[in-house]
Amino acid sequence: MSLFSIALKIFLIYLLYKLIFDLIVPIYKSTKRIKRQFSDMQAKMQNEMNRQQNQSTPPTPQPTVTKEGDYIEFEEVK
């Protein structure tokens, strides 16, 4: 084997190493993080929707209070 072929093999191994650890691994980690954040956001939205649906029970009508006495409420007509 010549020195040139050994140097070429070492250089190709170095390039493969740089490709894997500088490009493929960071892309994998970031896609994994984005998927986790997306699923967390979906779960949060689902919980919020469930909470809103549980709270959206129709309010009970409150009885109107009539005041006894001299004062009569009216609207002014122009």
PDB file of N, CA and C in Angstrom:
ATOM      1  N   MET A   1       0.837  -1.163   0.000  1.00  0.00           N
ATOM      2  CA  MET A   1       0.000   0.000   0.000  1.00  0.00           C
ATOM      3  C   MET A   1       0.890   1.236   0.000  1.00  0.00           C
ATOM      4  N   SER A   2       0.453   2.136  -0.765  1.00  0.00           N
ATOM      5  CA  SER A   2       1.245   3.359  -0.818  1.00  0.00           C
ATOM      6  C   SER A   2       0.773   4.339   0.243  1.00  0.00           C
ATOM      7  N   LEU A   3       1.584   5.275   0.500  1.00  0.00           N
ATOM      8  CA  LEU A   3       1.274   6.300   1.484  1.00  0.00           C
ATOM      9  C   LEU A   3       0.072   7.131   1.038  1.00  0.00           C
ATOM     10  N   PHE A   4      -0.054   7.335  -0.257  1.00  0.00           N
ATOM     11  CA  PHE A   4      -1.168   8.107  -0.801  1.00  0.00           C
ATOM     12  C   PHE A   4      -2.511   7.423  -0.532  1.00  0.00           C
ATOM     13  N   SER A   5      -2.609   6.111  -0.730  1.00  0.00           N
ATOM     14  CA  SER A   5      -3.881   5.409  -0.509  1.00  0.00           C
ATOM     15  C   SER A   5      -4.250   5.399   0.979  1.00  0.00           C
ATOM     16  N   ILE A   6      -3.266   5.299   1.849  1.00  0.00           N
ATOM     17  CA  ILE A   6      -3.544   5.342   3.291  1.00  0.00           C
ATOM     18  C   ILE A   6      -4.051   6.737   3.679  1.00  0.00           C
ATOM     19  N   ALA A   7      -3.416   7.759   3.172  1.00  0.00           N
ATOM     20  CA  ALA A   7      -3.835   9.129   3.459  1.00  0.00           C
ATOM     21  C   ALA A   7      -5.236   9.382   2.898  1.00  0.00           C
ATOM     22  N   LEU A   8      -5.538   8.850   1.723  1.00  0.00           N
ATOM     23  CA  LEU A   8      -6.859   9.001   1.125  1.00  0.00           C
ATOM     24  C   LEU A   8      -7.922   8.301   1.968  1.00  0.00           C
ATOM     25  N   LYS A   9      -7.621   7.101   2.452  1.00  0.00           N
ATOM     26  CA  LYS A   9      -8.571   6.377   3.307  1.00  0.00           C
ATOM     27  C   LYS A   9      -8.804   7.127   4.628  1.00  0.00           C
ATOM     28  N   ILE A  10      -7.740   7.640   5.210  1.00  0.00           N
ATOM     29  CA  ILE A  10      -7.885   8.402   6.457  1.00  0.00           C
ATOM     30  C   ILE A  10      -8.708   9.663   6.208  1.00  0.00           C
ATOM     31  N   PHE A  11      -8.467  10.328   5.100  1.00  0.00           N
ATOM     32  CA  PHE A  11      -9.220  11.528   4.756  1.00  0.00           C
ATOM     33  C   PHE A  11     -10.698  11.208   4.540  1.00  0.00           C
ATOM     34  N   LEU A  12     -11.007  10.104   3.871  1.00  0.00           N
ATOM     35  CA  LEU A  12     -12.399   9.713   3.641  1.00  0.00           C
ATOM     36  C   LEU A  12     -13.088   9.331   4.946  1.00  0.00           C
ATOM     37  N   ILE A  13     -12.364   8.655   5.826  1.00  0.00           N
ATOM     38  CA  ILE A  13     -12.930   8.324   7.142  1.00  0.00           C
ATOM     39  C   ILE A  13     -13.209   9.609   7.928  1.00  0.00           C
ATOM     40  N   TYR A  14     -12.291  10.575   7.843  1.00  0.00           N
ATOM     41  CA  TYR A  14     -12.493  11.859   8.515  1.00  0.00           C
ATOM     42  C   TYR A  14     -13.718  12.578   7.951  1.00  0.00           C
ATOM     43  N   LEU A  15     -13.867  12.594   6.633  1.00  0.00           N
ATOM     44  CA  LEU A  15     -15.036  13.233   6.025  1.00  0.00           C
ATOM     45  C   LEU A  15     -16.331  12.543   6.438  1.00  0.00           C
ATOM     46  N   LEU A  16     -16.317  11.222   6.490  1.00  0.00           N
ATOM     47  CA  LEU A  16     -17.495  10.472   6.926  1.00  0.00           C
ATOM     48  C   LEU A  16     -17.813  10.788   8.381  1.00  0.00           C
ATOM     49  N   TYR A  17     -16.802  10.879   9.221  1.00  0.00           N
ATOM     50  CA  TYR A  17     -16.982  11.239  10.620  1.00  0.00           C
ATOM     51  C   TYR A  17     -17.602  12.633  10.745  1.00  0.00           C
ATOM     52  N   LYS A  18     -17.056  13.610   9.999  1.00  0.00           N
ATOM     53  CA  LYS A  18     -17.583  14.972  10.040  1.00  0.00           C
ATOM     54  C   LYS A  18     -19.022  15.009   9.532  1.00  0.00           C
ATOM     55  N   LEU A  19     -19.323  14.250   8.494  1.00  0.00           N
ATOM     56  CA  LEU A  19     -20.682  14.212   7.954  1.00  0.00           C
ATOM     57  C   LEU A  19     -21.659  13.677   8.992  1.00  0.00           C
ATOM     58  N   ILE A  20     -21.275  12.620   9.650  1.00  0.00           N
ATOM     59  CA  ILE A  20     -22.176  11.995  10.629  1.00  0.00           C
ATOM     60  C   ILE A  20     -22.365  12.899  11.836  1.00  0.00           C
ATOM     61  N   PHE A  21     -21.280  13.391  12.422  1.00  0.00           N
ATOM     62  CA  PHE A  21     -21.383  14.104  13.686  1.00  0.00           C
ATOM     63  C   PHE A  21     -21.630  15.605  13.546  1.00  0.00           C
ATOM     64  N   ASP A  22     -21.447  16.169  12.380  1.00  0.00           N
ATOM     65  CA  ASP A  22     -21.727  17.589  12.192  1.00  0.00           C
ATOM     66  C   ASP A  22     -23.012  17.846  11.410  1.00  0.00           C
ATOM     67  N   LEU A  23     -23.556  16.840  10.768  1.00  0.00           N
ATOM     68  CA  LEU A  23     -24.764  17.050   9.976  1.00  0.00           C
ATOM     69  C   LEU A  23     -25.890  16.107  10.381  1.00  0.00           C
ATOM     70  N   ILE A  24     -25.652  14.829  10.365  1.00  0.00           N
ATOM     71  CA  ILE A  24     -26.723  13.857  10.579  1.00  0.00           C
ATOM     72  C   ILE A  24     -27.189  13.842  12.031  1.00  0.00           C
ATOM     73  N   VAL A  25     -26.276  13.792  12.983  1.00  0.00           N
ATOM     74  CA  VAL A  25     -26.653  13.744  14.400  1.00  0.00           C
ATOM     75  C   VAL A  25     -27.386  15.020  14.828  1.00  0.00           C
ATOM     76  N   PRO A  26     -26.920  16.233  14.484  1.00  0.00           N
ATOM     77  CA  PRO A  26     -27.679  17.429  14.866  1.00  0.00           C
ATOM     78  C   PRO A  26     -29.080  17.488  14.231  1.00  0.00           C
ATOM     79  N   ILE A  27     -29.206  17.056  12.996  1.00  0.00           N
ATOM     80  CA  ILE A  27     -30.521  17.026  12.355  1.00  0.00           C
ATOM     81  C   ILE A  27     -31.428  16.047  13.080  1.00  0.00           C
ATOM     82  N   TYR A  28     -30.916  14.891  13.438  1.00  0.00           N
ATOM     83  CA  TYR A  28     -31.706  13.904  14.168  1.00  0.00           C
ATOM     84  C   TYR A  28     -32.163  14.453  15.512  1.00  0.00           C
ATOM     85  N   LYS A  29     -31.235  15.094  16.244  1.00  0.00           N
ATOM     86  CA  LYS A  29     -31.583  15.642  17.557  1.00  0.00           C
ATOM     87  C   LYS A  29     -32.622  16.756  17.443  1.00  0.00           C
ATOM     88  N   SER A  30     -32.465  17.623  16.449  1.00  0.00           N
ATOM     89  CA  SER A  30     -33.408  18.731  16.322  1.00  0.00           C
ATOM     90  C   SER A  30     -34.786  18.240  15.891  1.00  0.00           C
ATOM     91  N   THR A  31     -34.865  17.261  15.003  1.00  0.00           N
ATOM     92  CA  THR A  31     -36.174  16.743  14.613  1.00  0.00           C
ATOM     93  C   THR A  31     -36.840  16.028  15.782  1.00  0.00           C
ATOM     94  N   LYS A  32     -36.051  15.349  16.582  1.00  0.00           N
ATOM     95  CA  LYS A  32     -36.594  14.682  17.764  1.00  0.00           C
ATOM     96  C   LYS A  32     -37.142  15.710  18.748  1.00  0.00           C
ATOM     97  N   ARG A  33     -36.404  16.806  18.960  1.00  0.00           N
ATOM     98  CA  ARG A  33     -36.846  17.866  19.869  1.00  0.00           C
ATOM     99  C   ARG A  33     -38.106  18.550  19.333  1.00  0.00           C
ATOM    100  N   ILE A  34     -38.158  18.807  18.038  1.00  0.00           N
ATOM    101  CA  ILE A  34     -39.319  19.461  17.441  1.00  0.00           C
ATOM    102  C   ILE A  34     -40.546  18.570  17.550  1.00  0.00           C
ATOM    103  N   LYS A  35     -40.392  17.284  17.304  1.00  0.00           N
ATOM    104  CA  LYS A  35     -41.524  16.362  17.445  1.00  0.00           C
ATOM    105  C   LYS A  35     -42.028  16.329  18.882  1.00  0.00           C
ATOM    106  N   ARG A  36     -41.113  16.326  19.848  1.00  0.00           N
ATOM    107  CA  ARG A  36     -41.504  16.328  21.254  1.00  0.00           C
ATOM    108  C   ARG A  36     -42.241  17.613  21.609  1.00  0.00           C
ATOM    109  N   GLN A  37     -41.735  18.751  21.149  1.00  0.00           N
ATOM    110  CA  GLN A  37     -42.398  20.020  21.427  1.00  0.00           C
ATOM    111  C   GLN A  37     -43.776  20.074  20.769  1.00  0.00           C
ATOM    112  N   PHE A  38     -43.888  19.542  19.569  1.00  0.00           N
ATOM    113  CA  PHE A  38     -45.168  19.533  18.871  1.00  0.00           C
ATOM    114  C   PHE A  38     -46.179  18.661  19.606  1.00  0.00           C
ATOM    115  N   SER A  39     -45.750  17.499  20.064  1.00  0.00           N
ATOM    116  CA  SER A  39     -46.675  16.630  20.795  1.00  0.00           C
ATOM    117  C   SER A  39     -47.053  17.237  22.141  1.00  0.00           C
ATOM    118  N   ASP A  40     -46.103  17.931  22.796  1.00  0.00           N
ATOM    119  CA  ASP A  40     -46.424  18.631  24.040  1.00  0.00           C
ATOM    120  C   ASP A  40     -47.452  19.732  23.789  1.00  0.00           C
ATOM    121  N   MET A  41     -47.292  20.459  22.693  1.00  0.00           N
ATOM    122  CA  MET A  41     -48.228  21.529  22.367  1.00  0.00           C
ATOM    123  C   MET A  41     -49.616  20.954  22.073  1.00  0.00           C
ATOM    124  N   GLN A  42     -49.670  19.835  21.360  1.00  0.00           N
ATOM    125  CA  GLN A  42     -50.959  19.204  21.080  1.00  0.00           C
ATOM    126  C   GLN A  42     -51.627  18.745  22.372  1.00  0.00           C
ATOM    127  N   ALA A  43     -50.860  18.163  23.269  1.00  0.00           N
ATOM    128  CA  ALA A  43     -51.429  17.709  24.540  1.00  0.00           C
ATOM    129  C   ALA A  43     -51.922  18.895  25.362  1.00  0.00           C
ATOM    130  N   LYS A  44     -51.177  19.972  25.348  1.00  0.00           N
ATOM    131  CA  LYS A  44     -51.588  21.174  26.077  1.00  0.00           C
ATOM    132  C   LYS A  44     -52.881  21.741  25.502  1.00  0.00           C
ATOM    133  N   MET A  45     -52.972  21.802  24.174  1.00  0.00           N
ATOM    134  CA  MET A  45     -54.188  22.308  23.537  1.00  0.00           C
ATOM    135  C   MET A  45     -55.377  21.389  23.818  1.00  0.00           C
ATOM    136  N   GLN A  46     -55.148  20.090  23.806  1.00  0.00           N
ATOM    137  CA  GLN A  46     -56.227  19.140  24.090  1.00  0.00           C
ATOM    138  C   GLN A  46     -56.712  19.306  25.535  1.00  0.00           C
ATOM    139  N   ASN A  47     -55.786  19.459  26.465  1.00  0.00           N
ATOM    140  CA  ASN A  47     -56.167  19.684  27.861  1.00  0.00           C
ATOM    141  C   ASN A  47     -56.947  20.978  28.015  1.00  0.00           C
ATOM    142  N   GLU A  48     -56.508  22.017  27.309  1.00  0.00           N
ATOM    143  CA  GLU A  48     -57.201  23.303  27.374  1.00  0.00           C
ATOM    144  C   GLU A  48     -58.614  23.192  26.802  1.00  0.00           C
ATOM    145  N   MET A  49     -58.762  22.485  25.704  1.00  0.00           N
ATOM    146  CA  MET A  49     -60.091  22.306  25.105  1.00  0.00           C
ATOM    147  C   MET A  49     -60.996  21.505  26.036  1.00  0.00           C
ATOM    148  N   ASN A  50     -60.460  20.460  26.648  1.00  0.00           N
ATOM    149  CA  ASN A  50     -61.252  19.668  27.585  1.00  0.00           C
ATOM    150  C   ASN A  50     -61.667  20.504  28.786  1.00  0.00           C
ATOM    151  N   ARG A  51     -60.760  21.327  29.275  1.00  0.00           N
ATOM    152  CA  ARG A  51     -61.067  22.176  30.415  1.00  0.00           C
ATOM    153  C   ARG A  51     -62.154  23.188  30.055  1.00  0.00           C
ATOM    154  N   GLN A  52     -62.071  23.766  28.857  1.00  0.00           N
ATOM    155  CA  GLN A  52     -63.069  24.732  28.430  1.00  0.00           C
ATOM    156  C   GLN A  52     -64.429  24.077  28.222  1.00  0.00           C
ATOM    157  N   GLN A  53     -64.428  22.851  27.697  1.00  0.00           N
ATOM    158  CA  GLN A  53     -65.694  22.155  27.498  1.00  0.00           C
ATOM    159  C   GLN A  53     -66.331  21.810  28.837  1.00  0.00           C
ATOM    160  N   ASN A  54     -65.531  21.461  29.812  1.00  0.00           N
ATOM    161  CA  ASN A  54     -66.071  21.155  31.133  1.00  0.00           C
ATOM    162  C   ASN A  54     -66.610  22.400  31.821  1.00  0.00           C
ATOM    163  N   GLN A  55     -66.010  23.546  31.557  1.00  0.00           N
ATOM    164  CA  GLN A  55     -66.443  24.777  32.193  1.00  0.00           C
ATOM    165  C   GLN A  55     -67.593  25.444  31.452  1.00  0.00           C
ATOM    166  N   SER A  56     -67.907  24.991  30.263  1.00  0.00           N
ATOM    167  CA  SER A  56     -68.912  25.666  29.451  1.00  0.00           C
ATOM    168  C   SER A  56     -70.328  25.185  29.755  1.00  0.00           C
ATOM    169  N   THR A  57     -70.578  24.794  30.975  1.00  0.00           N
ATOM    170  CA  THR A  57     -71.943  24.434  31.350  1.00  0.00           C
ATOM    171  C   THR A  57     -72.766  25.707  31.365  1.00  0.00           C
ATOM    172  N   PRO A  58     -74.012  25.638  30.932  1.00  0.00           N
ATOM    173  CA  PRO A  58     -74.819  26.862  30.841  1.00  0.00           C
ATOM    174  C   PRO A  58     -75.041  27.454  32.223  1.00  0.00           C
ATOM    175  N   PRO A  59     -74.918  28.752  32.333  1.00  0.00           N
ATOM    176  CA  PRO A  59     -75.107  29.387  33.638  1.00  0.00           C
ATOM    177  C   PRO A  59     -76.572  29.335  34.052  1.00  0.00           C
ATOM    178  N   THR A  60     -76.784  29.198  35.330  1.00  0.00           N
ATOM    179  CA  THR A  60     -78.154  29.159  35.833  1.00  0.00           C
ATOM    180  C   THR A  60     -78.681  30.577  35.886  1.00  0.00           C
ATOM    181  N   PRO A  61     -79.895  30.797  35.404  1.00  0.00           N
ATOM    182  CA  PRO A  61     -80.432  32.163  35.427  1.00  0.00           C
ATOM    183  C   PRO A  61     -80.707  32.599  36.864  1.00  0.00           C
ATOM    184  N   GLN A  62     -80.291  33.803  37.163  1.00  0.00           N
ATOM    185  CA  GLN A  62     -80.498  34.324  38.503  1.00  0.00           C
ATOM    186  C   GLN A  62     -81.830  35.065  38.545  1.00  0.00           C
ATOM    187  N   PRO A  63     -82.558  34.908  39.617  1.00  0.00           N
ATOM    188  CA  PRO A  63     -83.862  35.577  39.701  1.00  0.00           C
ATOM    189  C   PRO A  63     -83.688  37.089  39.763  1.00  0.00           C
ATOM    190  N   THR A  64     -84.598  37.781  39.106  1.00  0.00           N
ATOM    191  CA  THR A  64     -84.534  39.237  39.138  1.00  0.00           C
ATOM    192  C   THR A  64     -85.074  39.733  40.465  1.00  0.00           C
ATOM    193  N   VAL A  65     -84.406  40.699  40.975  1.00  0.00           N
ATOM    194  CA  VAL A  65     -84.795  41.244  42.278  1.00  0.00           C
ATOM    195  C   VAL A  65     -85.636  42.498  42.033  1.00  0.00           C
ATOM    196  N   THR A  66     -86.833  42.512  42.540  1.00  0.00           N
ATOM    197  CA  THR A  66     -87.679  43.695  42.418  1.00  0.00           C
ATOM    198  C   THR A  66     -87.571  44.508  43.694  1.00  0.00           C
ATOM    199  N   LYS A  67     -87.419  45.790  43.523  1.00  0.00           N
ATOM    200  CA  LYS A  67     -87.287  46.669  44.678  1.00  0.00           C
ATOM    201  C   LYS A  67     -88.675  47.158  45.081  1.00  0.00           C
ATOM    202  N   GLU A  68     -88.921  47.102  46.312  1.00  0.00           N
ATOM    203  CA  GLU A  68     -90.184  47.595  46.849  1.00  0.00           C
ATOM    204  C   GLU A  68     -89.991  49.059  47.244  1.00  0.00           C
ATOM    205  N   GLY A  69     -90.966  49.897  46.944  1.00  0.00           N
ATOM    206  CA  GLY A  69     -90.879  51.268  47.432  1.00  0.00           C
ATOM    207  C   GLY A  69     -91.319  52.279  46.408  1.00  0.00           C
ATOM    208  N   ASP A  70     -90.855  53.515  46.593  1.00  0.00           N
ATOM    209  CA  ASP A  70     -91.305  54.650  45.804  1.00  0.00           C
ATOM    210  C   ASP A  70     -90.641  54.726  44.431  1.00  0.00           C
ATOM    211  N   TYR A  71     -89.419  54.228  44.291  1.00  0.00           N
ATOM    212  CA  TYR A  71     -88.634  54.442  43.071  1.00  0.00           C
ATOM    213  C   TYR A  71     -89.082  53.496  41.968  1.00  0.00           C
ATOM    214  N   ILE A  72     -89.347  54.046  40.786  1.00  0.00           N
ATOM    215  CA  ILE A  72     -89.717  53.245  39.614  1.00  0.00           C
ATOM    216  C   ILE A  72     -88.680  53.538  38.535  1.00  0.00           C
ATOM    217  N   GLU A  73     -88.044  52.494  38.040  1.00  0.00           N
ATOM    218  CA  GLU A  73     -87.056  52.674  36.986  1.00  0.00           C
ATOM    219  C   GLU A  73     -87.766  52.907  35.670  1.00  0.00           C
ATOM    220  N   PHE A  74     -87.258  53.827  34.854  1.00  0.00           N
ATOM    221  CA  PHE A  74     -87.854  54.094  33.552  1.00  0.00           C
ATOM    222  C   PHE A  74     -86.770  54.567  32.618  1.00  0.00           C
ATOM    223  N   GLU A  75     -87.104  54.517  31.344  1.00  0.00           N
ATOM    224  CA  GLU A  75     -86.207  55.049  30.325  1.00  0.00           C
ATOM    225  C   GLU A  75     -86.748  56.383  29.886  1.00  0.00           C
ATOM    226  N   GLU A  76     -85.846  57.305  29.685  1.00  0.00           N
ATOM    227  CA  GLU A  76     -86.273  58.621  29.251  1.00  0.00           C
ATOM    228  C   GLU A  76     -86.546  58.585  27.748  1.00  0.00           C
ATOM    229  N   VAL A  77     -87.712  59.051  27.351  1.00  0.00           N
ATOM    230  CA  VAL A  77     -88.101  59.072  25.946  1.00  0.00           C
ATOM    231  C   VAL A  77     -87.958  60.488  25.445  1.00  0.00           C
ATOM    232  N   LYS A  78     -87.273  60.689  24.339  1.00  0.00           N
ATOM    233  CA  LYS A  78     -87.055  62.040  23.786  1.00  0.00           C
ATOM    234  C   LYS A  78     -88.022  62.299  22.667  1.00  0.00           C
TER     235      LYS A  78
END
